[in-house]
């Protein structure tokens, strides 16, 4: 998208970016996601990778579910994060930290 062009709002990610009064450049700068990748995400031409989905949801202060149209991706992301959380808690308990 050329500088100054409007963000597409026909995808959940594009709508959220506009609702938060951001530009793609703002999101790219904060999240570290490559500009072309972000443009493809906003256009709906590419599924959002789970690690990008986490960064985007954090920056845009919303649920990961609200940014993605593909329920399987959301479920995999949530399952992975839950397993990481569980593994971290188990490791902490093993060390007597919890």
C-alpha atoms as a PDB file:
ATOM      1  CA  UNK A   1       0.000   0.000   0.000  1.00  0.00           C
ATOM      2  CA  UNK A   2       1.437   3.382  -0.874  1.00  0.00           C
ATOM      3  CA  UNK A   3       2.050   5.860   1.897  1.00  0.00           C
ATOM      4  CA  UNK A   4      -1.111   7.707   2.833  1.00  0.00           C
ATOM      5  CA  UNK A   5      -3.459   5.103   1.363  1.00  0.00           C
ATOM      6  CA  UNK A   6      -6.355   3.824   3.401  1.00  0.00           C
ATOM      7  CA  UNK A   7      -6.227   0.583   5.341  1.00  0.00           C
ATOM      8  CA  UNK A   8      -8.711  -2.032   4.158  1.00  0.00           C
ATOM      9  CA  UNK A   9     -11.496  -2.576   6.650  1.00  0.00           C
ATOM     10  CA  UNK A  10     -13.035  -5.683   5.120  1.00  0.00           C
ATOM     11  CA  UNK A  11     -10.815  -7.927   7.258  1.00  0.00           C
ATOM     12  CA  UNK A  12     -10.889  -8.103  11.063  1.00  0.00           C
ATOM     13  CA  UNK A  13      -7.244  -6.981  11.310  1.00  0.00           C
ATOM     14  CA  UNK A  14      -7.718  -4.015   8.990  1.00  0.00           C
ATOM     15  CA  UNK A  15     -10.878  -2.941  10.820  1.00  0.00           C
ATOM     16  CA  UNK A  16      -9.112  -3.116  14.191  1.00  0.00           C
ATOM     17  CA  UNK A  17      -6.141  -1.074  12.929  1.00  0.00           C
ATOM     18  CA  UNK A  18      -8.502   1.638  11.669  1.00  0.00           C
ATOM     19  CA  UNK A  19     -10.632   1.526  14.844  1.00  0.00           C
ATOM     20  CA  UNK A  20      -7.455   2.138  16.884  1.00  0.00           C
ATOM     21  CA  UNK A  21      -6.480   5.069  14.617  1.00  0.00           C
ATOM     22  CA  UNK A  22      -3.229   3.443  13.500  1.00  0.00           C
ATOM     23  CA  UNK A  23      -1.557   3.109  10.135  1.00  0.00           C
ATOM     24  CA  UNK A  24       0.106  -0.065   8.902  1.00  0.00           C
ATOM     25  CA  UNK A  25       3.469   1.658   9.425  1.00  0.00           C
ATOM     26  CA  UNK A  26       2.664   2.129  13.137  1.00  0.00           C
ATOM     27  CA  UNK A  27       1.814  -1.555  13.544  1.00  0.00           C
ATOM     28  CA  UNK A  28       4.912  -2.632  11.606  1.00  0.00           C
ATOM     29  CA  UNK A  29       7.165  -0.403  13.712  1.00  0.00           C
ATOM     30  CA  UNK A  30       5.864  -1.779  17.029  1.00  0.00           C
ATOM     31  CA  UNK A  31       5.483  -5.455  16.142  1.00  0.00           C
ATOM     32  CA  UNK A  32       8.526  -5.913  13.923  1.00  0.00           C
ATOM     33  CA  UNK A  33       6.418  -7.667  11.307  1.00  0.00           C
ATOM     34  CA  UNK A  34       7.676  -6.969   7.771  1.00  0.00           C
ATOM     35  CA  UNK A  35       5.599  -4.354   5.941  1.00  0.00           C
ATOM     36  CA  UNK A  36       4.772  -6.601   2.984  1.00  0.00           C
ATOM     37  CA  UNK A  37       3.664  -9.406   5.318  1.00  0.00           C
ATOM     38  CA  UNK A  38       1.463  -6.977   7.244  1.00  0.00           C
ATOM     39  CA  UNK A  39      -0.084  -5.715   4.016  1.00  0.00           C
ATOM     40  CA  UNK A  40      -0.887  -9.298   3.001  1.00  0.00           C
ATOM     41  CA  UNK A  41      -2.426  -9.973   6.425  1.00  0.00           C
ATOM     42  CA  UNK A  42      -4.585  -6.843   6.224  1.00  0.00           C
ATOM     43  CA  UNK A  43      -5.707  -7.726   2.699  1.00  0.00           C
ATOM     44  CA  UNK A  44      -6.624 -11.247   3.814  1.00  0.00           C
ATOM     45  CA  UNK A  45      -4.261 -12.819   1.287  1.00  0.00           C
ATOM     46  CA  UNK A  46      -2.259 -14.611   3.965  1.00  0.00           C
ATOM     47  CA  UNK A  47      -3.116 -16.324   7.239  1.00  0.00           C
ATOM     48  CA  UNK A  48      -1.610 -14.600  10.259  1.00  0.00           C
ATOM     49  CA  UNK A  49       1.173 -16.707  11.779  1.00  0.00           C
ATOM     50  CA  UNK A  50       0.531 -17.487  15.439  1.00  0.00           C
ATOM     51  CA  UNK A  51       3.569 -15.585  16.766  1.00  0.00           C
ATOM     52  CA  UNK A  52       2.519 -12.527  14.746  1.00  0.00           C
ATOM     53  CA  UNK A  53      -1.039 -12.935  15.985  1.00  0.00           C
ATOM     54  CA  UNK A  54       0.198 -12.713  19.582  1.00  0.00           C
ATOM     55  CA  UNK A  55       2.179  -9.523  18.855  1.00  0.00           C
ATOM     56  CA  UNK A  56      -0.700  -7.944  16.964  1.00  0.00           C
ATOM     57  CA  UNK A  57      -3.240  -8.704  19.693  1.00  0.00           C
ATOM     58  CA  UNK A  58      -0.873  -7.242  22.285  1.00  0.00           C
ATOM     59  CA  UNK A  59      -0.305  -4.046  20.298  1.00  0.00           C
ATOM     60  CA  UNK A  60      -3.954  -3.605  19.301  1.00  0.00           C
ATOM     61  CA  UNK A  61      -5.194  -4.505  22.815  1.00  0.00           C
ATOM     62  CA  UNK A  62      -7.653  -7.142  21.684  1.00  0.00           C
ATOM     63  CA  UNK A  63      -8.264 -10.879  21.696  1.00  0.00           C
ATOM     64  CA  UNK A  64      -6.371 -12.944  19.147  1.00  0.00           C
ATOM     65  CA  UNK A  65      -9.704 -14.458  18.122  1.00  0.00           C
ATOM     66  CA  UNK A  66     -10.996 -11.087  16.944  1.00  0.00           C
ATOM     67  CA  UNK A  67      -8.158 -10.610  14.432  1.00  0.00           C
ATOM     68  CA  UNK A  68      -8.351 -13.904  12.594  1.00  0.00           C
ATOM     69  CA  UNK A  69     -11.068 -15.452  10.459  1.00  0.00           C
ATOM     70  CA  UNK A  70      -9.640 -18.952  10.632  1.00  0.00           C
ATOM     71  CA  UNK A  71     -10.792 -20.800  13.777  1.00  0.00           C
ATOM     72  CA  UNK A  72      -8.197 -23.585  13.340  1.00  0.00           C
ATOM     73  CA  UNK A  73      -5.346 -21.070  13.545  1.00  0.00           C
ATOM     74  CA  UNK A  74      -6.828 -19.495  16.660  1.00  0.00           C
ATOM     75  CA  UNK A  75      -7.268 -22.870  18.319  1.00  0.00           C
ATOM     76  CA  UNK A  76      -3.673 -23.910  17.516  1.00  0.00           C
ATOM     77  CA  UNK A  77      -2.367 -20.588  18.833  1.00  0.00           C
ATOM     78  CA  UNK A  78      -4.380 -20.848  22.042  1.00  0.00           C
ATOM     79  CA  UNK A  79      -3.367 -24.495  22.517  1.00  0.00           C
ATOM     80  CA  UNK A  80       0.313 -23.669  22.012  1.00  0.00           C
ATOM     81  CA  UNK A  81       0.219 -20.743  24.430  1.00  0.00           C
ATOM     82  CA  UNK A  82      -1.616 -22.841  27.005  1.00  0.00           C
ATOM     83  CA  UNK A  83       0.939 -25.653  26.712  1.00  0.00           C
ATOM     84  CA  UNK A  84       3.778 -23.137  27.104  1.00  0.00           C
ATOM     85  CA  UNK A  85       2.070 -21.702  30.178  1.00  0.00           C
ATOM     86  CA  UNK A  86       1.574 -25.191  31.630  1.00  0.00           C
ATOM     87  CA  UNK A  87       5.206 -26.159  30.946  1.00  0.00           C
ATOM     88  CA  UNK A  88       6.401 -22.928  32.573  1.00  0.00           C
ATOM     89  CA  UNK A  89       4.288 -23.559  35.666  1.00  0.00           C
ATOM     90  CA  UNK A  90       5.548 -27.142  35.922  1.00  0.00           C
ATOM     91  CA  UNK A  91       9.162 -25.972  35.631  1.00  0.00           C
ATOM     92  CA  UNK A  92       8.582 -23.335  38.309  1.00  0.00           C
ATOM     93  CA  UNK A  93       7.045 -25.937  40.635  1.00  0.00           C
ATOM     94  CA  UNK A  94       9.981 -28.267  40.045  1.00  0.00           C
ATOM     95  CA  UNK A  95      12.330 -25.473  41.125  1.00  0.00           C
ATOM     96  CA  UNK A  96      10.158 -24.590  44.101  1.00  0.00           C
ATOM     97  CA  UNK A  97       9.367 -21.124  42.759  1.00  0.00           C
ATOM     98  CA  UNK A  98       5.597 -21.391  42.550  1.00  0.00           C
END
